[in-house]
Amino acid sequence: MLQSLKNYSADYYFPMRSKISIIASLAISVVLAIGCGVALQMPTIAEAQRENVSLDTLLQGRQLYINNCASCHTLYLPGHLTQNEWRKQMVPMQKKAKISDKQKDLILTYLFSGSKNE
């Protein structure tokens, strides 16, 4: 038995190493994608009060932003764009993401909570 194992070349084990590498790469990609969503700004009570909404409303908007926007492109922090810029971006994105007006408004409320009003 031991003698027969010695006859296998290193090429015999390459497909297994390749599969392990692919699985590891996919796992790392998933962890990084989830990590980006977690790193996204968490709304605060102060922001909710400033926007005159509940903290739950901002959290719902954040979750909708992650769930509907990250599948197609990188998520930007709310402060990356002004409120007017976010509003303009949402016009074509609403149709592409197939979200309702209510969902769009929740996402915008979240994004506005951390962006500049210009």
PDB file of N, CA and C in Angstrom:
ATOM      1  N   MET A   1       0.837  -1.199   0.000  1.00  0.00           N
ATOM      2  CA  MET A   1       0.000   0.000   0.000  1.00  0.00           C
ATOM      3  C   MET A   1       0.870   1.246   0.000  1.00  0.00           C
ATOM      4  N   LEU A   2       1.836   1.324   0.914  1.00  0.00           N
ATOM      5  CA  LEU A   2       2.718   2.473   1.015  1.00  0.00           C
ATOM      6  C   LEU A   2       3.510   2.649  -0.272  1.00  0.00           C
ATOM      7  N   GLN A   3       3.957   1.561  -0.854  1.00  0.00           N
ATOM      8  CA  GLN A   3       4.702   1.616  -2.104  1.00  0.00           C
ATOM      9  C   GLN A   3       3.843   2.217  -3.219  1.00  0.00           C
ATOM     10  N   SER A   4       2.553   1.874  -3.268  1.00  0.00           N
ATOM     11  CA  SER A   4       1.690   2.386  -4.333  1.00  0.00           C
ATOM     12  C   SER A   4       1.457   3.885  -4.178  1.00  0.00           C
ATOM     13  N   LEU A   5       1.444   4.408  -2.948  1.00  0.00           N
ATOM     14  CA  LEU A   5       1.300   5.847  -2.740  1.00  0.00           C
ATOM     15  C   LEU A   5       2.520   6.610  -3.220  1.00  0.00           C
ATOM     16  N   LYS A   6       3.682   6.023  -3.140  1.00  0.00           N
ATOM     17  CA  LYS A   6       4.909   6.679  -3.579  1.00  0.00           C
ATOM     18  C   LYS A   6       4.935   6.863  -5.092  1.00  0.00           C
ATOM     19  N   ASN A   7       4.144   6.102  -5.805  1.00  0.00           N
ATOM     20  CA  ASN A   7       4.140   6.181  -7.254  1.00  0.00           C
ATOM     21  C   ASN A   7       3.353   7.375  -7.787  1.00  0.00           C
ATOM     22  N   TYR A   8       2.533   8.008  -6.952  1.00  0.00           N
ATOM     23  CA  TYR A   8       1.764   9.169  -7.403  1.00  0.00           C
ATOM     24  C   TYR A   8       2.685  10.377  -7.527  1.00  0.00           C
ATOM     25  N   SER A   9       2.523  11.092  -8.601  1.00  0.00           N
ATOM     26  CA  SER A   9       3.336  12.295  -8.793  1.00  0.00           C
ATOM     27  C   SER A   9       2.676  13.485  -8.115  1.00  0.00           C
ATOM     28  N   ALA A  10       3.396  14.590  -8.039  1.00  0.00           N
ATOM     29  CA  ALA A  10       2.854  15.818  -7.449  1.00  0.00           C
ATOM     30  C   ALA A  10       1.674  16.325  -8.272  1.00  0.00           C
ATOM     31  N   ASP A  11       1.640  16.016  -9.562  1.00  0.00           N
ATOM     32  CA  ASP A  11       0.541  16.457 -10.417  1.00  0.00           C
ATOM     33  C   ASP A  11      -0.796  15.847  -9.994  1.00  0.00           C
ATOM     34  N   TYR A  12      -0.742  14.685  -9.342  1.00  0.00           N
ATOM     35  CA  TYR A  12      -1.959  14.042  -8.884  1.00  0.00           C
ATOM     36  C   TYR A  12      -2.672  14.913  -7.845  1.00  0.00           C
ATOM     37  N   TYR A  13      -1.921  15.614  -7.027  1.00  0.00           N
ATOM     38  CA  TYR A  13      -2.491  16.413  -5.952  1.00  0.00           C
ATOM     39  C   TYR A  13      -2.809  17.841  -6.367  1.00  0.00           C
ATOM     40  N   PHE A  14      -2.360  18.273  -7.532  1.00  0.00           N
ATOM     41  CA  PHE A  14      -2.590  19.651  -7.974  1.00  0.00           C
ATOM     42  C   PHE A  14      -4.063  20.025  -8.063  1.00  0.00           C
ATOM     43  N   PRO A  15      -4.932  19.182  -8.651  1.00  0.00           N
ATOM     44  CA  PRO A  15      -6.348  19.575  -8.720  1.00  0.00           C
ATOM     45  C   PRO A  15      -6.955  19.857  -7.345  1.00  0.00           C
ATOM     46  N   MET A  16      -6.557  19.100  -6.337  1.00  0.00           N
ATOM     47  CA  MET A  16      -7.085  19.320  -4.994  1.00  0.00           C
ATOM     48  C   MET A  16      -6.594  20.660  -4.451  1.00  0.00           C
ATOM     49  N   ARG A  17      -5.326  20.971  -4.650  1.00  0.00           N
ATOM     50  CA  ARG A  17      -4.799  22.267  -4.192  1.00  0.00           C
ATOM     51  C   ARG A  17      -5.493  23.404  -4.918  1.00  0.00           C
ATOM     52  N   SER A  18      -5.766  23.227  -6.192  1.00  0.00           N
ATOM     53  CA  SER A  18      -6.443  24.246  -6.976  1.00  0.00           C
ATOM     54  C   SER A  18      -7.855  24.480  -6.444  1.00  0.00           C
ATOM     55  N   LYS A  19      -8.576  23.424  -6.129  1.00  0.00           N
ATOM     56  CA  LYS A  19      -9.925  23.553  -5.593  1.00  0.00           C
ATOM     57  C   LYS A  19      -9.905  24.268  -4.243  1.00  0.00           C
ATOM     58  N   ILE A  20      -8.948  23.932  -3.416  1.00  0.00           N
ATOM     59  CA  ILE A  20      -8.836  24.574  -2.111  1.00  0.00           C
ATOM     60  C   ILE A  20      -8.547  26.058  -2.286  1.00  0.00           C
ATOM     61  N   SER A  21      -7.685  26.398  -3.225  1.00  0.00           N
ATOM     62  CA  SER A  21      -7.374  27.813  -3.477  1.00  0.00           C
ATOM     63  C   SER A  21      -8.605  28.578  -3.939  1.00  0.00           C
ATOM     64  N   ILE A  22      -9.388  27.987  -4.807  1.00  0.00           N
ATOM     65  CA  ILE A  22     -10.603  28.637  -5.314  1.00  0.00           C
ATOM     66  C   ILE A  22     -11.601  28.845  -4.183  1.00  0.00           C
ATOM     67  N   ILE A  23     -11.799  27.813  -3.376  1.00  0.00           N
ATOM     68  CA  ILE A  23     -12.734  27.925  -2.249  1.00  0.00           C
ATOM     69  C   ILE A  23     -12.257  28.991  -1.269  1.00  0.00           C
ATOM     70  N   ALA A  24     -10.969  29.027  -0.973  1.00  0.00           N
ATOM     71  CA  ALA A  24     -10.428  30.034  -0.054  1.00  0.00           C
ATOM     72  C   ALA A  24     -10.616  31.435  -0.627  1.00  0.00           C
ATOM     73  N   SER A  25     -10.386  31.600  -1.912  1.00  0.00           N
ATOM     74  CA  SER A  25     -10.564  32.913  -2.548  1.00  0.00           C
ATOM     75  C   SER A  25     -12.013  33.372  -2.476  1.00  0.00           C
ATOM     76  N   LEU A  26     -12.943  32.468  -2.725  1.00  0.00           N
ATOM     77  CA  LEU A  26     -14.361  32.808  -2.639  1.00  0.00           C
ATOM     78  C   LEU A  26     -14.746  33.184  -1.213  1.00  0.00           C
ATOM     79  N   ALA A  27     -14.238  32.438  -0.249  1.00  0.00           N
ATOM     80  CA  ALA A  27     -14.546  32.736   1.152  1.00  0.00           C
ATOM     81  C   ALA A  27     -14.015  34.113   1.541  1.00  0.00           C
ATOM     82  N   ILE A  28     -12.828  34.445   1.107  1.00  0.00           N
ATOM     83  CA  ILE A  28     -12.248  35.760   1.402  1.00  0.00           C
ATOM     84  C   ILE A  28     -13.078  36.854   0.740  1.00  0.00           C
ATOM     85  N   SER A  29     -13.522  36.633  -0.483  1.00  0.00           N
ATOM     86  CA  SER A  29     -14.350  37.625  -1.177  1.00  0.00           C
ATOM     87  C   SER A  29     -15.656  37.882  -0.439  1.00  0.00           C
ATOM     88  N   VAL A  30     -16.281  36.821   0.044  1.00  0.00           N
ATOM     89  CA  VAL A  30     -17.535  36.967   0.783  1.00  0.00           C
ATOM     90  C   VAL A  30     -17.306  37.751   2.068  1.00  0.00           C
ATOM     91  N   VAL A  31     -16.248  37.419   2.785  1.00  0.00           N
ATOM     92  CA  VAL A  31     -15.942  38.122   4.034  1.00  0.00           C
ATOM     93  C   VAL A  31     -15.685  39.596   3.764  1.00  0.00           C
ATOM     94  N   LEU A  32     -14.948  39.911   2.714  1.00  0.00           N
ATOM     95  CA  LEU A  32     -14.687  41.316   2.381  1.00  0.00           C
ATOM     96  C   LEU A  32     -15.964  42.041   1.995  1.00  0.00           C
ATOM     97  N   ALA A  33     -16.828  41.395   1.241  1.00  0.00           N
ATOM     98  CA  ALA A  33     -18.090  42.032   0.839  1.00  0.00           C
ATOM     99  C   ALA A  33     -18.964  42.313   2.052  1.00  0.00           C
ATOM    100  N   ILE A  34     -19.039  41.367   2.960  1.00  0.00           N
ATOM    101  CA  ILE A  34     -19.830  41.568   4.175  1.00  0.00           C
ATOM    102  C   ILE A  34     -19.186  42.647   5.031  1.00  0.00           C
ATOM    103  N   GLY A  35     -17.875  42.638   5.106  1.00  0.00           N
ATOM    104  CA  GLY A  35     -17.154  43.633   5.901  1.00  0.00           C
ATOM    105  C   GLY A  35     -17.400  45.044   5.410  1.00  0.00           C
ATOM    106  N   CYS A  36     -17.527  45.226   4.112  1.00  0.00           N
ATOM    107  CA  CYS A  36     -17.788  46.559   3.570  1.00  0.00           C
ATOM    108  C   CYS A  36     -19.153  47.070   4.014  1.00  0.00           C
ATOM    109  N   GLY A  37     -20.127  46.189   4.034  1.00  0.00           N
ATOM    110  CA  GLY A  37     -21.450  46.585   4.499  1.00  0.00           C
ATOM    111  C   GLY A  37     -21.452  46.936   5.967  1.00  0.00           C
ATOM    112  N   VAL A  38     -20.688  46.187   6.758  1.00  0.00           N
ATOM    113  CA  VAL A  38     -20.615  46.440   8.183  1.00  0.00           C
ATOM    114  C   VAL A  38     -19.883  47.755   8.449  1.00  0.00           C
ATOM    115  N   ALA A  39     -18.905  48.091   7.610  1.00  0.00           N
ATOM    116  CA  ALA A  39     -18.128  49.309   7.810  1.00  0.00           C
ATOM    117  C   ALA A  39     -18.915  50.554   7.424  1.00  0.00           C
ATOM    118  N   LEU A  40     -20.017  50.384   6.758  1.00  0.00           N
ATOM    119  CA  LEU A  40     -20.852  51.495   6.356  1.00  0.00           C
ATOM    120  C   LEU A  40     -21.398  52.195   7.597  1.00  0.00           C
ATOM    121  N   GLN A  41     -21.445  53.483   7.530  1.00  0.00           N
ATOM    122  CA  GLN A  41     -21.865  54.311   8.662  1.00  0.00           C
ATOM    123  C   GLN A  41     -23.151  53.805   9.320  1.00  0.00           C
ATOM    124  N   MET A  42     -23.088  53.665  10.640  1.00  0.00           N
ATOM    125  CA  MET A  42     -24.293  53.339  11.416  1.00  0.00           C
ATOM    126  C   MET A  42     -24.923  54.655  11.850  1.00  0.00           C
ATOM    127  N   PRO A  43     -26.196  54.823  11.613  1.00  0.00           N
ATOM    128  CA  PRO A  43     -26.854  56.070  12.001  1.00  0.00           C
ATOM    129  C   PRO A  43     -26.896  56.223  13.522  1.00  0.00           C
ATOM    130  N   THR A  44     -26.905  57.462  13.961  1.00  0.00           N
ATOM    131  CA  THR A  44     -26.951  57.772  15.386  1.00  0.00           C
ATOM    132  C   THR A  44     -28.279  58.440  15.734  1.00  0.00           C
ATOM    133  N   ILE A  45     -28.550  58.504  17.008  1.00  0.00           N
ATOM    134  CA  ILE A  45     -29.769  59.176  17.472  1.00  0.00           C
ATOM    135  C   ILE A  45     -29.730  60.652  17.084  1.00  0.00           C
ATOM    136  N   ALA A  46     -28.544  61.256  17.186  1.00  0.00           N
ATOM    137  CA  ALA A  46     -28.406  62.675  16.822  1.00  0.00           C
ATOM    138  C   ALA A  46     -28.763  62.901  15.357  1.00  0.00           C
ATOM    139  N   GLU A  47     -28.334  62.001  14.486  1.00  0.00           N
ATOM    140  CA  GLU A  47     -28.667  62.128  13.064  1.00  0.00           C
ATOM    141  C   GLU A  47     -30.167  61.946  12.843  1.00  0.00           C
ATOM    142  N   ALA A  48     -30.757  61.005  13.560  1.00  0.00           N
ATOM    143  CA  ALA A  48     -32.204  60.788  13.444  1.00  0.00           C
ATOM    144  C   ALA A  48     -32.963  62.035  13.879  1.00  0.00           C
ATOM    145  N   GLN A  49     -32.530  62.641  14.968  1.00  0.00           N
ATOM    146  CA  GLN A  49     -33.191  63.858  15.446  1.00  0.00           C
ATOM    147  C   GLN A  49     -33.009  64.999  14.445  1.00  0.00           C
ATOM    148  N   ARG A  50     -31.814  65.116  13.884  1.00  0.00           N
ATOM    149  CA  ARG A  50     -31.540  66.172  12.900  1.00  0.00           C
ATOM    150  C   ARG A  50     -32.408  66.001  11.657  1.00  0.00           C
ATOM    151  N   GLU A  51     -32.653  64.760  11.259  1.00  0.00           N
ATOM    152  CA  GLU A  51     -33.485  64.471  10.082  1.00  0.00           C
ATOM    153  C   GLU A  51     -34.972  64.416  10.447  1.00  0.00           C
ATOM    154  N   ASN A  52     -35.261  64.507  11.736  1.00  0.00           N
ATOM    155  CA  ASN A  52     -36.634  64.471  12.239  1.00  0.00           C
ATOM    156  C   ASN A  52     -37.334  63.149  11.898  1.00  0.00           C
ATOM    157  N   VAL A  53     -36.584  62.051  12.067  1.00  0.00           N
ATOM    158  CA  VAL A  53     -37.115  60.697  11.857  1.00  0.00           C
ATOM    159  C   VAL A  53     -36.648  59.816  13.014  1.00  0.00           C
ATOM    160  N   SER A  54     -37.181  58.610  13.073  1.00  0.00           N
ATOM    161  CA  SER A  54     -36.740  57.676  14.115  1.00  0.00           C
ATOM    162  C   SER A  54     -35.419  57.024  13.712  1.00  0.00           C
ATOM    163  N   LEU A  55     -34.703  56.553  14.710  1.00  0.00           N
ATOM    164  CA  LEU A  55     -33.465  55.826  14.445  1.00  0.00           C
ATOM    165  C   LEU A  55     -33.771  54.571  13.628  1.00  0.00           C
ATOM    166  N   ASP A  56     -34.906  53.943  13.892  1.00  0.00           N
ATOM    167  CA  ASP A  56     -35.309  52.751  13.154  1.00  0.00           C
ATOM    168  C   ASP A  56     -35.470  53.045  11.662  1.00  0.00           C
ATOM    169  N   THR A  57     -35.983  54.222  11.339  1.00  0.00           N
ATOM    170  CA  THR A  57     -36.138  54.621   9.937  1.00  0.00           C
ATOM    171  C   THR A  57     -34.779  54.675   9.251  1.00  0.00           C
ATOM    172  N   LEU A  58     -33.789  55.270   9.925  1.00  0.00           N
ATOM    173  CA  LEU A  58     -32.441  55.342   9.340  1.00  0.00           C
ATOM    174  C   LEU A  58     -31.822  53.957   9.210  1.00  0.00           C
ATOM    175  N   LEU A  59     -32.047  53.102  10.192  1.00  0.00           N
ATOM    176  CA  LEU A  59     -31.514  51.737  10.116  1.00  0.00           C
ATOM    177  C   LEU A  59     -32.159  50.951   8.975  1.00  0.00           C
ATOM    178  N   GLN A  60     -33.456  51.151   8.759  1.00  0.00           N
ATOM    179  CA  GLN A  60     -34.135  50.504   7.625  1.00  0.00           C
ATOM    180  C   GLN A  60     -33.557  50.996   6.302  1.00  0.00           C
ATOM    181  N   GLY A  61     -33.329  52.307   6.201  1.00  0.00           N
ATOM    182  CA  GLY A  61     -32.746  52.871   4.987  1.00  0.00           C
ATOM    183  C   GLY A  61     -31.359  52.326   4.724  1.00  0.00           C
ATOM    184  N   ARG A  62     -30.566  52.196   5.791  1.00  0.00           N
ATOM    185  CA  ARG A  62     -29.210  51.642   5.663  1.00  0.00           C
ATOM    186  C   ARG A  62     -29.280  50.217   5.141  1.00  0.00           C
ATOM    187  N   GLN A  63     -30.171  49.408   5.717  1.00  0.00           N
ATOM    188  CA  GLN A  63     -30.278  48.011   5.300  1.00  0.00           C
ATOM    189  C   GLN A  63     -30.759  47.902   3.852  1.00  0.00           C
ATOM    190  N   LEU A  64     -31.705  48.720   3.467  1.00  0.00           N
ATOM    191  CA  LEU A  64     -32.166  48.730   2.076  1.00  0.00           C
ATOM    192  C   LEU A  64     -31.045  49.144   1.131  1.00  0.00           C
ATOM    193  N   TYR A  65     -30.248  50.112   1.541  1.00  0.00           N
ATOM    194  CA  TYR A  65     -29.106  50.565   0.744  1.00  0.00           C
ATOM    195  C   TYR A  65     -28.131  49.407   0.526  1.00  0.00           C
ATOM    196  N   ILE A  66     -27.823  48.696   1.587  1.00  0.00           N
ATOM    197  CA  ILE A  66     -26.902  47.561   1.487  1.00  0.00           C
ATOM    198  C   ILE A  66     -27.507  46.467   0.598  1.00  0.00           C
ATOM    199  N   ASN A  67     -28.743  46.098   0.869  1.00  0.00           N
ATOM    200  CA  ASN A  67     -29.369  44.975   0.156  1.00  0.00           C
ATOM    201  C   ASN A  67     -29.625  45.249  -1.321  1.00  0.00           C
ATOM    202  N   ASN A  68     -29.958  46.480  -1.674  1.00  0.00           N
ATOM    203  CA  ASN A  68     -30.354  46.773  -3.046  1.00  0.00           C
ATOM    204  C   ASN A  68     -29.259  47.389  -3.905  1.00  0.00           C
ATOM    205  N   CYS A  69     -28.273  47.984  -3.292  1.00  0.00           N
ATOM    206  CA  CYS A  69     -27.272  48.704  -4.081  1.00  0.00           C
ATOM    207  C   CYS A  69     -25.938  47.958  -4.193  1.00  0.00           C
ATOM    208  N   ALA A  70     -25.577  47.203  -3.158  1.00  0.00           N
ATOM    209  CA  ALA A  70     -24.280  46.514  -3.153  1.00  0.00           C
ATOM    210  C   ALA A  70     -24.197  45.389  -4.168  1.00  0.00           C
ATOM    211  N   SER A  71     -25.335  44.894  -4.622  1.00  0.00           N
ATOM    212  CA  SER A  71     -25.295  43.790  -5.585  1.00  0.00           C
ATOM    213  C   SER A  71     -24.770  44.236  -6.947  1.00  0.00           C
ATOM    214  N   CYS A  72     -24.814  45.542  -7.227  1.00  0.00           N
ATOM    215  CA  CYS A  72     -24.371  46.032  -8.533  1.00  0.00           C
ATOM    216  C   CYS A  72     -23.082  46.857  -8.482  1.00  0.00           C
ATOM    217  N   HIS A  73     -22.852  47.542  -7.380  1.00  0.00           N
ATOM    218  CA  HIS A  73     -21.664  48.410  -7.325  1.00  0.00           C
ATOM    219  C   HIS A  73     -21.219  48.667  -5.897  1.00  0.00           C
ATOM    220  N   THR A  74     -20.103  49.334  -5.770  1.00  0.00           N
ATOM    221  CA  THR A  74     -19.540  49.691  -4.475  1.00  0.00           C
ATOM    222  C   THR A  74     -20.477  50.628  -3.736  1.00  0.00           C
ATOM    223  N   LEU A  75     -20.583  50.429  -2.444  1.00  0.00           N
ATOM    224  CA  LEU A  75     -21.385  51.334  -1.627  1.00  0.00           C
ATOM    225  C   LEU A  75     -20.514  52.503  -1.179  1.00  0.00           C
ATOM    226  N   TYR A  76     -21.049  53.692  -1.303  1.00  0.00           N
ATOM    227  CA  TYR A  76     -20.338  54.882  -0.872  1.00  0.00           C
ATOM    228  C   TYR A  76     -20.885  55.343   0.466  1.00  0.00           C
ATOM    229  N   LEU A  77     -20.039  55.939   1.257  1.00  0.00           N
ATOM    230  CA  LEU A  77     -20.483  56.503   2.521  1.00  0.00           C
ATOM    231  C   LEU A  77     -21.442  57.648   2.237  1.00  0.00           C
ATOM    232  N   PRO A  78     -22.409  57.880   3.105  1.00  0.00           N
ATOM    233  CA  PRO A  78     -23.360  58.972   2.878  1.00  0.00           C
ATOM    234  C   PRO A  78     -22.696  60.327   2.653  1.00  0.00           C
ATOM    235  N   GLY A  79     -21.589  60.591   3.308  1.00  0.00           N
ATOM    236  CA  GLY A  79     -20.900  61.870   3.146  1.00  0.00           C
ATOM    237  C   GLY A  79     -20.145  62.020   1.838  1.00  0.00           C
ATOM    238  N   HIS A  80     -20.125  60.967   1.028  1.00  0.00           N
ATOM    239  CA  HIS A  80     -19.398  61.003  -0.248  1.00  0.00           C
ATOM    240  C   HIS A  80     -20.040  61.970  -1.242  1.00  0.00           C
ATOM    241  N   LEU A  81     -21.369  62.106  -1.169  1.00  0.00           N
ATOM    242  CA  LEU A  81     -22.096  63.002  -2.070  1.00  0.00           C
ATOM    243  C   LEU A  81     -22.972  63.953  -1.265  1.00  0.00           C
ATOM    244  N   THR A  82     -23.347  65.046  -1.873  1.00  0.00           N
ATOM    245  CA  THR A  82     -24.294  65.970  -1.237  1.00  0.00           C
ATOM    246  C   THR A  82     -25.706  65.407  -1.388  1.00  0.00           C
ATOM    247  N   GLN A  83     -26.650  65.999  -0.688  1.00  0.00           N
ATOM    248  CA  GLN A  83     -28.034  65.543  -0.798  1.00  0.00           C
ATOM    249  C   GLN A  83     -28.554  65.667  -2.224  1.00  0.00           C
ATOM    250  N   ASN A  84     -28.226  66.764  -2.892  1.00  0.00           N
ATOM    251  CA  ASN A  84     -28.660  66.932  -4.283  1.00  0.00           C
ATOM    252  C   ASN A  84     -28.052  65.869  -5.193  1.00  0.00           C
ATOM    253  N   GLU A  85     -26.777  65.547  -4.966  1.00  0.00           N
ATOM    254  CA  GLU A  85     -26.121  64.522  -5.781  1.00  0.00           C
ATOM    255  C   GLU A  85     -26.742  63.150  -5.534  1.00  0.00           C
ATOM    256  N   TRP A  86     -27.049  62.837  -4.259  1.00  0.00           N
ATOM    257  CA  TRP A  86     -27.701  61.557  -3.960  1.00  0.00           C
ATOM    258  C   TRP A  86     -29.059  61.481  -4.648  1.00  0.00           C
ATOM    259  N   ARG A  87     -29.800  62.569  -4.585  1.00  0.00           N
ATOM    260  CA  ARG A  87     -31.135  62.603  -5.198  1.00  0.00           C
ATOM    261  C   ARG A  87     -31.024  62.318  -6.704  1.00  0.00           C
ATOM    262  N   LYS A  88     -30.047  62.947  -7.373  1.00  0.00           N
ATOM    263  CA  LYS A  88     -29.861  62.733  -8.815  1.00  0.00           C
ATOM    264  C   LYS A  88     -29.454  61.288  -9.108  1.00  0.00           C
ATOM    265  N   GLN A  89     -28.608  60.716  -8.252  1.00  0.00           N
ATOM    266  CA  GLN A  89     -28.161  59.340  -8.457  1.00  0.00           C
ATOM    267  C   GLN A  89     -29.299  58.333  -8.310  1.00  0.00           C
ATOM    268  N   MET A  90     -30.236  58.646  -7.437  1.00  0.00           N
ATOM    269  CA  MET A  90     -31.320  57.712  -7.156  1.00  0.00           C
ATOM    270  C   MET A  90     -32.357  57.630  -8.279  1.00  0.00           C
ATOM    271  N   VAL A  91     -32.448  58.641  -9.112  1.00  0.00           N
ATOM    272  CA  VAL A  91     -33.447  58.621 -10.188  1.00  0.00           C
ATOM    273  C   VAL A  91     -33.246  57.402 -11.097  1.00  0.00           C
ATOM    274  N   PRO A  92     -32.068  57.220 -11.705  1.00  0.00           N
ATOM    275  CA  PRO A  92     -31.904  56.039 -12.557  1.00  0.00           C
ATOM    276  C   PRO A  92     -31.749  54.738 -11.759  1.00  0.00           C
ATOM    277  N   MET A  93     -31.191  54.844 -10.543  1.00  0.00           N
ATOM    278  CA  MET A  93     -30.946  53.644  -9.745  1.00  0.00           C
ATOM    279  C   MET A  93     -32.233  53.005  -9.236  1.00  0.00           C
ATOM    280  N   GLN A  94     -33.245  53.815  -8.975  1.00  0.00           N
ATOM    281  CA  GLN A  94     -34.506  53.268  -8.483  1.00  0.00           C
ATOM    282  C   GLN A  94     -35.086  52.281  -9.487  1.00  0.00           C
ATOM    283  N   LYS A  95     -35.047  52.639 -10.740  1.00  0.00           N
ATOM    284  CA  LYS A  95     -35.597  51.766 -11.783  1.00  0.00           C
ATOM    285  C   LYS A  95     -34.738  50.504 -11.937  1.00  0.00           C
ATOM    286  N   LYS A  96     -33.409  50.683 -11.927  1.00  0.00           N
ATOM    287  CA  LYS A  96     -32.522  49.527 -12.088  1.00  0.00           C
ATOM    288  C   LYS A  96     -32.651  48.552 -10.927  1.00  0.00           C
ATOM    289  N   ALA A  97     -32.765  49.097  -9.716  1.00  0.00           N
ATOM    290  CA  ALA A  97     -32.852  48.249  -8.522  1.00  0.00           C
ATOM    291  C   ALA A  97     -34.268  47.745  -8.268  1.00  0.00           C
ATOM    292  N   LYS A  98     -35.225  48.274  -9.024  1.00  0.00           N
ATOM    293  CA  LYS A  98     -36.630  47.872  -8.890  1.00  0.00           C
ATOM    294  C   LYS A  98     -37.126  48.053  -7.457  1.00  0.00           C
ATOM    295  N   ILE A  99     -36.904  49.252  -6.932  1.00  0.00           N
ATOM    296  CA  ILE A  99     -37.367  49.557  -5.570  1.00  0.00           C
ATOM    297  C   ILE A  99     -38.542  50.530  -5.638  1.00  0.00           C
ATOM    298  N   SER A 100     -39.380  50.465  -4.628  1.00  0.00           N
ATOM    299  CA  SER A 100     -40.564  51.322  -4.568  1.00  0.00           C
ATOM    300  C   SER A 100     -40.170  52.744  -4.170  1.00  0.00           C
ATOM    301  N   ASP A 101     -41.114  53.654  -4.305  1.00  0.00           N
ATOM    302  CA  ASP A 101     -40.875  55.034  -3.868  1.00  0.00           C
ATOM    303  C   ASP A 101     -40.596  55.087  -2.369  1.00  0.00           C
ATOM    304  N   LYS A 102     -41.311  54.275  -1.593  1.00  0.00           N
ATOM    305  CA  LYS A 102     -41.096  54.245  -0.142  1.00  0.00           C
ATOM    306  C   LYS A 102     -39.684  53.757   0.179  1.00  0.00           C
ATOM    307  N   GLN A 103     -39.223  52.707  -0.502  1.00  0.00           N
ATOM    308  CA  GLN A 103     -37.868  52.200  -0.281  1.00  0.00           C
ATOM    309  C   GLN A 103     -36.834  53.251  -0.683  1.00  0.00           C
ATOM    310  N   LYS A 104     -37.068  53.909  -1.803  1.00  0.00           N
ATOM    311  CA  LYS A 104     -36.164  54.970  -2.254  1.00  0.00           C
ATOM    312  C   LYS A 104     -36.080  56.074  -1.208  1.00  0.00           C
ATOM    313  N   ASP A 105     -37.223  56.474  -0.676  1.00  0.00           N
ATOM    314  CA  ASP A 105     -37.248  57.532   0.333  1.00  0.00           C
ATOM    315  C   ASP A 105     -36.502  57.121   1.600  1.00  0.00           C
ATOM    316  N   LEU A 106     -36.637  55.862   2.014  1.00  0.00           N
ATOM    317  CA  LEU A 106     -35.910  55.387   3.197  1.00  0.00           C
ATOM    318  C   LEU A 106     -34.398  55.399   2.958  1.00  0.00           C
ATOM    319  N   ILE A 107     -33.996  54.958   1.777  1.00  0.00           N
ATOM    320  CA  ILE A 107     -32.567  54.971   1.437  1.00  0.00           C
ATOM    321  C   ILE A 107     -32.048  56.405   1.422  1.00  0.00           C
ATOM    322  N   LEU A 108     -32.784  57.297   0.778  1.00  0.00           N
ATOM    323  CA  LEU A 108     -32.359  58.697   0.720  1.00  0.00           C
ATOM    324  C   LEU A 108     -32.308  59.331   2.108  1.00  0.00           C
ATOM    325  N   THR A 109     -33.255  59.005   2.959  1.00  0.00           N
ATOM    326  CA  THR A 109     -33.242  59.539   4.317  1.00  0.00           C
ATOM    327  C   THR A 109     -31.974  59.111   5.038  1.00  0.00           C
ATOM    328  N   TYR A 110     -31.609  57.836   4.892  1.00  0.00           N
ATOM    329  CA  TYR A 110     -30.355  57.350   5.483  1.00  0.00           C
ATOM    330  C   TYR A 110     -29.151  58.089   4.896  1.00  0.00           C
ATOM    331  N   LEU A 111     -29.100  58.187   3.574  1.00  0.00           N
ATOM    332  CA  LEU A 111     -27.963  58.838   2.925  1.00  0.00           C
ATOM    333  C   LEU A 111     -27.878  60.321   3.284  1.00  0.00           C
ATOM    334  N   PHE A 112     -29.031  60.985   3.376  1.00  0.00           N
ATOM    335  CA  PHE A 112     -29.058  62.391   3.745  1.00  0.00           C
ATOM    336  C   PHE A 112     -28.561  62.611   5.172  1.00  0.00           C
ATOM    337  N   SER A 113     -28.764  61.620   6.038  1.00  0.00           N
ATOM    338  CA  SER A 113     -28.402  61.786   7.448  1.00  0.00           C
ATOM    339  C   SER A 113     -26.894  61.980   7.638  1.00  0.00           C
ATOM    340  N   GLY A 114     -26.112  61.518   6.686  1.00  0.00           N
ATOM    341  CA  GLY A 114     -24.668  61.666   6.804  1.00  0.00           C
ATOM    342  C   GLY A 114     -24.045  62.498   5.709  1.00  0.00           C
ATOM    343  N   SER A 115     -24.871  63.150   4.898  1.00  0.00           N
ATOM    344  CA  SER A 115     -24.320  63.932   3.788  1.00  0.00           C
ATOM    345  C   SER A 115     -24.496  65.420   4.034  1.00  0.00           C
ATOM    346  N   LYS A 116     -23.815  66.194   3.201  1.00  0.00           N
ATOM    347  CA  LYS A 116     -23.905  67.653   3.286  1.00  0.00           C
ATOM    348  C   LYS A 116     -25.152  68.125   2.536  1.00  0.00           C
ATOM    349  N   ASN A 117     -25.794  69.128   3.071  1.00  0.00           N
ATOM    350  CA  ASN A 117     -26.967  69.703   2.427  1.00  0.00           C
ATOM    351  C   ASN A 117     -26.532  70.884   1.571  1.00  0.00           C
ATOM    352  N   GLU A 118     -26.347  70.643   0.302  1.00  0.00           N
ATOM    353  CA  GLU A 118     -25.929  71.720  -0.625  1.00  0.00           C
ATOM    354  C   GLU A 118     -26.880  71.811  -1.779  1.00  0.00           C
TER     355      GLU A 118
END
